[in-house]
Amino acid sequence: MNDARVVDDLESLFRAHHGRLVRALTVACGNEQAAADAVQHAFVKAHLRWRSIMNYDDPVGWIRRVAINKLRDEHRSDMRKGRVVERLAAEPERTAQAPQLDDVAAMLEGLPRQQRLSLALFYVDGLSVAETAATLGISQGAVKFHLHQGRATLRGQLGEGDSHG
């Protein structure tokens, strides 16, 4: 039963290091729940790759790096969301009349997939044209084209043919 030994080894590693990793990352990020989620995520990834990771010189170091990377990703995502909120707050008259997320999703529903993705990543997630292009695996020119086409279609739907934006 080699699999039972492998699971026991990972479980022992979890018992020995989980609490310490959560405490260290809580101090690092200031949020116990985010730290616990990141450590849990790292242990799940370790479980999925345990046959390789168990042979590493420092499997706990690998788990720690995965958890830290997860926290970094979450931080970057939170920063992007914050920039979107700031951008929307800078336009008070539009914010007061801003459509709800369900309304936006319904408006984008009829657009071709690449236009929907481009508009959602650029306007909702706050990615730059370059970041949107990298995410979708297309050129920046293609992103600009999809944004232009999507906006034109939406203007037509909203009856704003003479938009100045």
N, C-alpha and C. Protein backbone atom coordinates (compact mmCIF):
# COMPACT_ATOMS: atom_id res chain seq x y z
N MET A 1 0.83 -1.19 0.00
CA MET A 1 0.00 0.00 0.00
C MET A 1 0.87 1.25 0.00
N ASN A 2 1.54 1.49 -1.08
CA ASN A 2 2.40 2.66 -1.20
C ASN A 2 1.58 3.95 -1.16
N ASP A 3 0.36 3.93 -1.73
CA ASP A 3 -0.49 5.12 -1.72
C ASP A 3 -0.85 5.55 -0.30
N ALA A 4 -1.10 4.59 0.59
CA ALA A 4 -1.43 4.92 1.98
C ALA A 4 -0.24 5.61 2.64
N ARG A 5 0.98 5.14 2.38
CA ARG A 5 2.17 5.76 2.95
C ARG A 5 2.31 7.18 2.44
N VAL A 6 2.07 7.38 1.14
CA VAL A 6 2.18 8.71 0.55
C VAL A 6 1.18 9.66 1.19
N VAL A 7 -0.08 9.21 1.35
CA VAL A 7 -1.10 10.04 1.96
C VAL A 7 -0.72 10.34 3.41
N ASP A 8 -0.27 9.30 4.14
CA ASP A 8 0.15 9.52 5.52
C ASP A 8 1.27 10.54 5.60
N ASP A 9 2.24 10.48 4.67
CA ASP A 9 3.35 11.43 4.69
C ASP A 9 2.85 12.84 4.46
N LEU A 10 1.93 13.03 3.53
CA LEU A 10 1.39 14.35 3.27
C LEU A 10 0.55 14.82 4.46
N GLU A 11 -0.22 13.91 5.04
CA GLU A 11 -1.01 14.27 6.21
C GLU A 11 -0.11 14.68 7.37
N SER A 12 0.99 13.96 7.56
CA SER A 12 1.94 14.31 8.62
C SER A 12 2.54 15.68 8.36
N LEU A 13 2.89 15.92 7.12
CA LEU A 13 3.44 17.22 6.73
C LEU A 13 2.41 18.32 7.00
N PHE A 14 1.16 18.06 6.66
CA PHE A 14 0.07 19.02 6.91
C PHE A 14 -0.04 19.31 8.40
N ARG A 15 -0.11 18.25 9.21
CA ARG A 15 -0.25 18.43 10.66
C ARG A 15 0.92 19.21 11.25
N ALA A 16 2.11 18.93 10.77
CA ALA A 16 3.31 19.55 11.33
C ALA A 16 3.49 21.01 10.90
N HIS A 17 3.00 21.38 9.73
CA HIS A 17 3.36 22.69 9.18
C HIS A 17 2.19 23.63 8.89
N HIS A 18 0.98 23.12 8.81
CA HIS A 18 -0.16 23.96 8.42
C HIS A 18 -0.31 25.18 9.33
N GLY A 19 -0.40 24.95 10.62
CA GLY A 19 -0.62 26.06 11.57
C GLY A 19 0.49 27.09 11.51
N ARG A 20 1.72 26.63 11.43
CA ARG A 20 2.87 27.53 11.39
C ARG A 20 2.84 28.37 10.11
N LEU A 21 2.52 27.74 8.98
CA LEU A 21 2.45 28.48 7.72
C LEU A 21 1.34 29.52 7.75
N VAL A 22 0.19 29.13 8.29
CA VAL A 22 -0.93 30.08 8.38
C VAL A 22 -0.54 31.27 9.25
N ARG A 23 0.09 31.00 10.39
CA ARG A 23 0.50 32.10 11.29
C ARG A 23 1.50 33.02 10.60
N ALA A 24 2.50 32.46 9.94
CA ALA A 24 3.52 33.28 9.28
C ALA A 24 2.90 34.13 8.17
N LEU A 25 2.03 33.54 7.37
CA LEU A 25 1.42 34.29 6.27
C LEU A 25 0.38 35.28 6.78
N THR A 26 -0.25 35.00 7.92
CA THR A 26 -1.16 35.96 8.52
C THR A 26 -0.40 37.22 8.90
N VAL A 27 0.77 37.03 9.50
CA VAL A 27 1.60 38.18 9.86
C VAL A 27 2.03 38.92 8.60
N ALA A 28 2.37 38.18 7.55
CA ALA A 28 2.85 38.79 6.31
C ALA A 28 1.76 39.59 5.59
N CYS A 29 0.53 39.05 5.55
CA CYS A 29 -0.51 39.72 4.77
C CYS A 29 -1.54 40.46 5.62
N GLY A 30 -1.57 40.18 6.92
CA GLY A 30 -2.50 40.88 7.80
C GLY A 30 -3.92 40.35 7.77
N ASN A 31 -4.13 39.19 7.16
CA ASN A 31 -5.49 38.66 7.05
C ASN A 31 -5.44 37.15 7.26
N GLU A 32 -5.94 36.70 8.40
CA GLU A 32 -5.85 35.27 8.73
C GLU A 32 -6.62 34.40 7.75
N GLN A 33 -7.79 34.85 7.32
CA GLN A 33 -8.59 34.05 6.40
C GLN A 33 -7.90 33.91 5.05
N ALA A 34 -7.33 35.00 4.54
CA ALA A 34 -6.61 34.93 3.27
C ALA A 34 -5.40 34.02 3.39
N ALA A 35 -4.69 34.10 4.52
CA ALA A 35 -3.52 33.24 4.74
C ALA A 35 -3.95 31.77 4.80
N ALA A 36 -5.01 31.48 5.54
CA ALA A 36 -5.49 30.10 5.65
C ALA A 36 -5.94 29.57 4.30
N ASP A 37 -6.62 30.39 3.52
CA ASP A 37 -7.05 29.98 2.18
C ASP A 37 -5.85 29.68 1.28
N ALA A 38 -4.83 30.53 1.35
CA ALA A 38 -3.64 30.35 0.51
C ALA A 38 -2.90 29.07 0.90
N VAL A 39 -2.77 28.81 2.19
CA VAL A 39 -2.09 27.60 2.64
C VAL A 39 -2.90 26.36 2.24
N GLN A 40 -4.21 26.43 2.40
CA GLN A 40 -5.07 25.32 1.99
C GLN A 40 -4.92 25.06 0.49
N HIS A 41 -4.94 26.11 -0.30
CA HIS A 41 -4.75 26.00 -1.75
C HIS A 41 -3.42 25.31 -2.06
N ALA A 42 -2.37 25.70 -1.35
CA ALA A 42 -1.04 25.11 -1.58
C ALA A 42 -1.02 23.63 -1.22
N PHE A 43 -1.66 23.25 -0.13
CA PHE A 43 -1.69 21.84 0.24
C PHE A 43 -2.52 21.02 -0.74
N VAL A 44 -3.58 21.59 -1.27
CA VAL A 44 -4.37 20.88 -2.30
C VAL A 44 -3.50 20.65 -3.53
N LYS A 45 -2.78 21.68 -3.96
CA LYS A 45 -1.88 21.52 -5.11
C LYS A 45 -0.81 20.47 -4.82
N ALA A 46 -0.28 20.49 -3.58
CA ALA A 46 0.72 19.50 -3.19
C ALA A 46 0.14 18.09 -3.27
N HIS A 47 -1.10 17.94 -2.82
CA HIS A 47 -1.76 16.63 -2.87
C HIS A 47 -1.87 16.14 -4.32
N LEU A 48 -2.24 17.04 -5.20
CA LEU A 48 -2.41 16.67 -6.61
C LEU A 48 -1.09 16.30 -7.28
N ARG A 49 0.01 16.84 -6.78
CA ARG A 49 1.33 16.59 -7.38
C ARG A 49 2.27 15.85 -6.42
N TRP A 50 1.70 15.20 -5.42
CA TRP A 50 2.51 14.65 -4.33
C TRP A 50 3.57 13.66 -4.81
N ARG A 51 3.30 12.85 -5.81
CA ARG A 51 4.28 11.87 -6.27
C ARG A 51 5.58 12.54 -6.71
N SER A 52 5.50 13.75 -7.24
CA SER A 52 6.71 14.49 -7.60
C SER A 52 7.26 15.27 -6.42
N ILE A 53 6.38 15.94 -5.71
CA ILE A 53 6.81 16.84 -4.63
C ILE A 53 7.44 16.08 -3.47
N MET A 54 7.00 14.85 -3.21
CA MET A 54 7.55 14.10 -2.08
C MET A 54 9.04 13.83 -2.27
N ASN A 55 9.52 13.93 -3.51
CA ASN A 55 10.94 13.70 -3.77
C ASN A 55 11.76 14.98 -3.73
N TYR A 56 11.12 16.12 -3.56
CA TYR A 56 11.85 17.39 -3.48
C TYR A 56 12.68 17.44 -2.21
N ASP A 57 13.76 18.19 -2.24
CA ASP A 57 14.58 18.38 -1.05
C ASP A 57 13.79 19.08 0.05
N ASP A 58 12.88 19.98 -0.34
CA ASP A 58 12.14 20.78 0.64
C ASP A 58 10.68 20.91 0.21
N PRO A 59 9.87 19.85 0.41
CA PRO A 59 8.47 19.94 -0.01
C PRO A 59 7.72 21.06 0.72
N VAL A 60 8.04 21.33 1.97
CA VAL A 60 7.38 22.41 2.70
C VAL A 60 7.72 23.75 2.05
N GLY A 61 8.95 23.91 1.59
CA GLY A 61 9.35 25.13 0.88
C GLY A 61 8.52 25.33 -0.38
N TRP A 62 8.26 24.23 -1.09
CA TRP A 62 7.43 24.32 -2.29
C TRP A 62 6.02 24.76 -1.91
N ILE A 63 5.47 24.16 -0.87
CA ILE A 63 4.13 24.51 -0.41
C ILE A 63 4.09 25.98 0.02
N ARG A 64 5.11 26.42 0.73
CA ARG A 64 5.19 27.82 1.18
C ARG A 64 5.20 28.77 -0.03
N ARG A 65 5.99 28.45 -1.06
CA ARG A 65 6.06 29.30 -2.25
C ARG A 65 4.71 29.36 -2.97
N VAL A 66 4.04 28.23 -3.08
CA VAL A 66 2.72 28.20 -3.72
C VAL A 66 1.74 29.07 -2.93
N ALA A 67 1.78 28.98 -1.61
CA ALA A 67 0.88 29.79 -0.78
C ALA A 67 1.18 31.28 -0.93
N ILE A 68 2.46 31.63 -0.94
CA ILE A 68 2.85 33.04 -1.11
C ILE A 68 2.42 33.54 -2.48
N ASN A 69 2.61 32.73 -3.51
CA ASN A 69 2.18 33.13 -4.86
C ASN A 69 0.67 33.33 -4.92
N LYS A 70 -0.08 32.49 -4.21
CA LYS A 70 -1.53 32.64 -4.17
C LYS A 70 -1.91 33.97 -3.51
N LEU A 71 -1.23 34.31 -2.41
CA LEU A 71 -1.48 35.60 -1.75
C LEU A 71 -1.15 36.76 -2.67
N ARG A 72 -0.04 36.66 -3.40
CA ARG A 72 0.33 37.72 -4.35
C ARG A 72 -0.72 37.88 -5.44
N ASP A 73 -1.19 36.75 -5.97
CA ASP A 73 -2.23 36.81 -7.01
C ASP A 73 -3.49 37.47 -6.47
N GLU A 74 -3.89 37.11 -5.25
CA GLU A 74 -5.07 37.71 -4.63
C GLU A 74 -4.87 39.21 -4.42
N HIS A 75 -3.67 39.59 -4.00
CA HIS A 75 -3.36 41.01 -3.77
C HIS A 75 -3.45 41.79 -5.09
N ARG A 76 -2.88 41.24 -6.15
CA ARG A 76 -2.95 41.91 -7.45
C ARG A 76 -4.39 42.04 -7.92
N SER A 77 -5.17 41.00 -7.72
CA SER A 77 -6.58 41.04 -8.10
C SER A 77 -7.32 42.11 -7.31
N ASP A 78 -7.06 42.16 -6.00
CA ASP A 78 -7.69 43.19 -5.17
C ASP A 78 -7.29 44.59 -5.61
N MET A 79 -6.03 44.76 -6.00
CA MET A 79 -5.55 46.07 -6.46
C MET A 79 -6.27 46.47 -7.75
N ARG A 80 -6.43 45.52 -8.68
CA ARG A 80 -7.15 45.82 -9.93
C ARG A 80 -8.59 46.21 -9.63
N LYS A 81 -9.22 45.48 -8.73
CA LYS A 81 -10.61 45.81 -8.37
C LYS A 81 -10.67 47.19 -7.75
N GLY A 82 -9.70 47.52 -6.91
CA GLY A 82 -9.65 48.84 -6.29
C GLY A 82 -9.51 49.95 -7.31
N ARG A 83 -8.69 49.71 -8.35
CA ARG A 83 -8.53 50.71 -9.40
C ARG A 83 -9.83 50.92 -10.17
N VAL A 84 -10.57 49.84 -10.40
CA VAL A 84 -11.86 49.96 -11.09
C VAL A 84 -12.82 50.78 -10.23
N VAL A 85 -12.87 50.50 -8.94
CA VAL A 85 -13.75 51.25 -8.05
C VAL A 85 -13.36 52.73 -8.05
N GLU A 86 -12.06 53.01 -7.98
CA GLU A 86 -11.60 54.41 -8.02
C GLU A 86 -11.99 55.07 -9.33
N ARG A 87 -11.81 54.35 -10.43
CA ARG A 87 -12.15 54.91 -11.75
C ARG A 87 -13.65 55.21 -11.83
N LEU A 88 -14.46 54.30 -11.32
CA LEU A 88 -15.90 54.52 -11.34
C LEU A 88 -16.30 55.65 -10.40
N ALA A 89 -15.63 55.76 -9.26
CA ALA A 89 -15.94 56.83 -8.31
C ALA A 89 -15.56 58.19 -8.86
N ALA A 90 -14.61 58.24 -9.78
CA ALA A 90 -14.18 59.51 -10.37
C ALA A 90 -15.22 60.05 -11.35
N GLU A 91 -16.22 59.25 -11.68
CA GLU A 91 -17.28 59.65 -12.60
C GLU A 91 -18.62 59.61 -11.86
N PRO A 92 -18.85 60.56 -10.94
CA PRO A 92 -20.04 60.47 -10.07
C PRO A 92 -21.37 60.46 -10.81
N GLU A 93 -21.51 61.26 -11.87
CA GLU A 93 -22.81 61.27 -12.55
C GLU A 93 -23.07 59.95 -13.27
N ARG A 94 -22.02 59.27 -13.71
CA ARG A 94 -22.21 57.98 -14.36
C ARG A 94 -22.43 56.89 -13.33
N THR A 95 -21.75 57.01 -12.17
CA THR A 95 -21.88 56.00 -11.13
C THR A 95 -23.31 55.95 -10.61
N ALA A 96 -23.94 57.11 -10.49
CA ALA A 96 -25.30 57.15 -9.98
C ALA A 96 -26.26 56.40 -10.90
N GLN A 97 -25.95 56.37 -12.20
CA GLN A 97 -26.83 55.73 -13.16
C GLN A 97 -26.23 54.43 -13.69
N ALA A 98 -25.13 53.98 -13.09
CA ALA A 98 -24.43 52.80 -13.60
C ALA A 98 -25.34 51.57 -13.55
N PRO A 99 -25.33 50.80 -14.61
CA PRO A 99 -26.13 49.58 -14.61
C PRO A 99 -25.54 48.56 -13.64
N GLN A 100 -26.37 47.69 -13.12
CA GLN A 100 -25.92 46.62 -12.24
C GLN A 100 -25.19 45.57 -13.07
N LEU A 101 -24.40 44.73 -12.38
CA LEU A 101 -23.60 43.72 -13.06
C LEU A 101 -24.47 42.79 -13.91
N ASP A 102 -25.65 42.43 -13.40
CA ASP A 102 -26.55 41.57 -14.18
C ASP A 102 -26.99 42.27 -15.46
N ASP A 103 -27.22 43.59 -15.38
CA ASP A 103 -27.61 44.35 -16.56
C ASP A 103 -26.49 44.38 -17.59
N VAL A 104 -25.26 44.56 -17.09
CA VAL A 104 -24.10 44.59 -17.99
C VAL A 104 -23.94 43.23 -18.66
N ALA A 105 -24.05 42.16 -17.88
CA ALA A 105 -23.94 40.81 -18.45
C ALA A 105 -25.01 40.58 -19.51
N ALA A 106 -26.21 41.06 -19.26
CA ALA A 106 -27.29 40.90 -20.23
C ALA A 106 -27.00 41.69 -21.51
N MET A 107 -26.43 42.90 -21.36
CA MET A 107 -26.09 43.71 -22.54
C MET A 107 -25.01 43.03 -23.37
N LEU A 108 -24.03 42.42 -22.71
CA LEU A 108 -22.91 41.80 -23.42
C LEU A 108 -23.28 40.44 -24.00
N GLU A 109 -24.36 39.87 -23.52
CA GLU A 109 -24.76 38.51 -23.89
C GLU A 109 -24.84 38.29 -25.41
N GLY A 110 -25.32 39.29 -26.14
CA GLY A 110 -25.50 39.12 -27.58
C GLY A 110 -24.24 39.36 -28.40
N LEU A 111 -23.16 39.78 -27.75
CA LEU A 111 -21.93 40.06 -28.49
C LEU A 111 -21.15 38.77 -28.76
N PRO A 112 -20.33 38.78 -29.81
CA PRO A 112 -19.45 37.63 -30.03
C PRO A 112 -18.52 37.43 -28.82
N ARG A 113 -18.07 36.21 -28.63
CA ARG A 113 -17.30 35.82 -27.45
C ARG A 113 -16.08 36.72 -27.22
N GLN A 114 -15.27 36.96 -28.23
CA GLN A 114 -14.05 37.76 -28.05
C GLN A 114 -14.38 39.20 -27.65
N GLN A 115 -15.46 39.74 -28.19
CA GLN A 115 -15.87 41.10 -27.79
C GLN A 115 -16.32 41.11 -26.34
N ARG A 116 -17.13 40.12 -25.94
CA ARG A 116 -17.58 40.02 -24.54
C ARG A 116 -16.39 39.92 -23.60
N LEU A 117 -15.46 39.02 -23.91
CA LEU A 117 -14.29 38.83 -23.06
C LEU A 117 -13.45 40.10 -22.99
N SER A 118 -13.21 40.71 -24.13
CA SER A 118 -12.39 41.92 -24.17
C SER A 118 -13.03 43.04 -23.35
N LEU A 119 -14.32 43.26 -23.54
CA LEU A 119 -15.01 44.31 -22.79
C LEU A 119 -15.02 44.01 -21.29
N ALA A 120 -15.28 42.77 -20.92
CA ALA A 120 -15.34 42.41 -19.50
C ALA A 120 -13.97 42.56 -18.83
N LEU A 121 -12.92 42.07 -19.49
CA LEU A 121 -11.59 42.17 -18.90
C LEU A 121 -11.11 43.62 -18.82
N PHE A 122 -11.40 44.39 -19.86
CA PHE A 122 -10.92 45.78 -19.91
C PHE A 122 -11.70 46.67 -18.95
N TYR A 123 -13.03 46.60 -19.00
CA TYR A 123 -13.85 47.53 -18.22
C TYR A 123 -14.20 47.03 -16.82
N VAL A 124 -14.48 45.76 -16.68
CA VAL A 124 -14.89 45.25 -15.37
C VAL A 124 -13.68 44.86 -14.53
N ASP A 125 -12.75 44.10 -15.13
CA ASP A 125 -11.58 43.66 -14.37
C ASP A 125 -10.50 44.73 -14.33
N GLY A 126 -10.58 45.73 -15.21
CA GLY A 126 -9.63 46.83 -15.17
C GLY A 126 -8.28 46.51 -15.78
N LEU A 127 -8.21 45.48 -16.62
CA LEU A 127 -6.94 45.15 -17.26
C LEU A 127 -6.63 46.16 -18.35
N SER A 128 -5.35 46.36 -18.61
CA SER A 128 -4.94 47.21 -19.73
C SER A 128 -5.15 46.44 -21.03
N VAL A 129 -4.99 47.13 -22.15
CA VAL A 129 -5.10 46.45 -23.45
C VAL A 129 -4.05 45.34 -23.53
N ALA A 130 -2.82 45.63 -23.09
CA ALA A 130 -1.75 44.62 -23.14
C ALA A 130 -2.08 43.42 -22.25
N GLU A 131 -2.60 43.68 -21.03
CA GLU A 131 -2.95 42.58 -20.13
C GLU A 131 -4.11 41.77 -20.69
N THR A 132 -5.07 42.45 -21.30
CA THR A 132 -6.20 41.74 -21.91
C THR A 132 -5.71 40.87 -23.05
N ALA A 133 -4.82 41.41 -23.87
CA ALA A 133 -4.26 40.64 -24.99
C ALA A 133 -3.53 39.40 -24.49
N ALA A 134 -2.70 39.58 -23.46
CA ALA A 134 -1.95 38.45 -22.91
C ALA A 134 -2.89 37.40 -22.33
N THR A 135 -3.94 37.84 -21.65
CA THR A 135 -4.90 36.92 -21.05
C THR A 135 -5.62 36.10 -22.11
N LEU A 136 -6.01 36.77 -23.19
CA LEU A 136 -6.78 36.09 -24.23
C LEU A 136 -5.90 35.41 -25.28
N GLY A 137 -4.59 35.70 -25.24
CA GLY A 137 -3.69 35.09 -26.21
C GLY A 137 -3.87 35.65 -27.62
N ILE A 138 -4.20 36.94 -27.70
CA ILE A 138 -4.37 37.61 -28.99
C ILE A 138 -3.53 38.88 -28.99
N SER A 139 -3.42 39.53 -30.13
CA SER A 139 -2.61 40.75 -30.22
C SER A 139 -3.34 41.94 -29.59
N GLN A 140 -2.58 42.97 -29.25
CA GLN A 140 -3.18 44.18 -28.71
C GLN A 140 -4.09 44.83 -29.75
N GLY A 141 -3.70 44.76 -31.00
CA GLY A 141 -4.54 45.29 -32.07
C GLY A 141 -5.88 44.59 -32.13
N ALA A 142 -5.86 43.28 -31.94
CA ALA A 142 -7.11 42.52 -31.95
C ALA A 142 -7.99 42.93 -30.76
N VAL A 143 -7.37 43.15 -29.60
CA VAL A 143 -8.15 43.60 -28.43
C VAL A 143 -8.79 44.95 -28.74
N LYS A 144 -8.01 45.88 -29.29
CA LYS A 144 -8.54 47.21 -29.62
C LYS A 144 -9.70 47.08 -30.61
N PHE A 145 -9.56 46.20 -31.58
CA PHE A 145 -10.62 45.98 -32.55
C PHE A 145 -11.88 45.46 -31.86
N HIS A 146 -11.73 44.44 -31.00
CA HIS A 146 -12.88 43.88 -30.31
C HIS A 146 -13.53 44.90 -29.39
N LEU A 147 -12.73 45.72 -28.71
CA LEU A 147 -13.29 46.78 -27.86
C LEU A 147 -14.08 47.77 -28.71
N HIS A 148 -13.50 48.19 -29.83
CA HIS A 148 -14.17 49.15 -30.71
C HIS A 148 -15.48 48.58 -31.23
N GLN A 149 -15.44 47.35 -31.74
CA GLN A 149 -16.64 46.73 -32.30
C GLN A 149 -17.70 46.54 -31.21
N GLY A 150 -17.27 46.08 -30.05
CA GLY A 150 -18.22 45.86 -28.95
C GLY A 150 -18.89 47.15 -28.51
N ARG A 151 -18.08 48.22 -28.37
CA ARG A 151 -18.65 49.52 -27.98
C ARG A 151 -19.62 50.02 -29.04
N ALA A 152 -19.27 49.85 -30.30
CA ALA A 152 -20.16 50.31 -31.38
C ALA A 152 -21.49 49.56 -31.33
N THR A 153 -21.44 48.27 -31.11
CA THR A 153 -22.66 47.48 -31.02
C THR A 153 -23.50 47.92 -29.83
N LEU A 154 -22.84 48.12 -28.68
CA LEU A 154 -23.57 48.53 -27.48
C LEU A 154 -24.18 49.92 -27.66
N ARG A 155 -23.45 50.84 -28.31
CA ARG A 155 -24.01 52.18 -28.57
C ARG A 155 -25.27 52.06 -29.41
N GLY A 156 -25.24 51.17 -30.39
CA GLY A 156 -26.41 50.94 -31.22
C GLY A 156 -27.58 50.40 -30.42
N GLN A 157 -27.30 49.47 -29.50
CA GLN A 157 -28.33 48.91 -28.64
C GLN A 157 -28.93 49.96 -27.71
N LEU A 158 -28.08 50.86 -27.24
CA LEU A 158 -28.54 51.88 -26.29
C LEU A 158 -29.08 53.14 -26.98
N GLY A 159 -29.01 53.17 -28.32
CA GLY A 159 -29.51 54.32 -29.05
C GLY A 159 -28.64 55.54 -28.90
N GLU A 160 -27.34 55.34 -28.75
CA GLU A 160 -26.40 56.44 -28.59
C GLU A 160 -25.50 56.55 -29.82
N GLY A 161 -26.07 56.65 -30.95
CA GLY A 161 -25.32 56.71 -32.19
C GLY A 161 -24.40 57.90 -32.30
N ASP A 162 -24.69 59.00 -31.59
CA ASP A 162 -23.87 60.21 -31.70
C ASP A 162 -22.97 60.38 -30.47
N SER A 163 -22.51 59.25 -29.89
CA SER A 163 -21.65 59.29 -28.69
C SER A 163 -20.35 60.02 -29.00
N HIS A 164 -19.86 60.77 -28.00
CA HIS A 164 -18.62 61.52 -28.17
C HIS A 164 -17.45 60.83 -27.51
N GLY A 165 -17.58 59.58 -26.99
CA GLY A 165 -16.59 58.96 -26.20
C GLY A 165 -15.69 58.04 -26.84
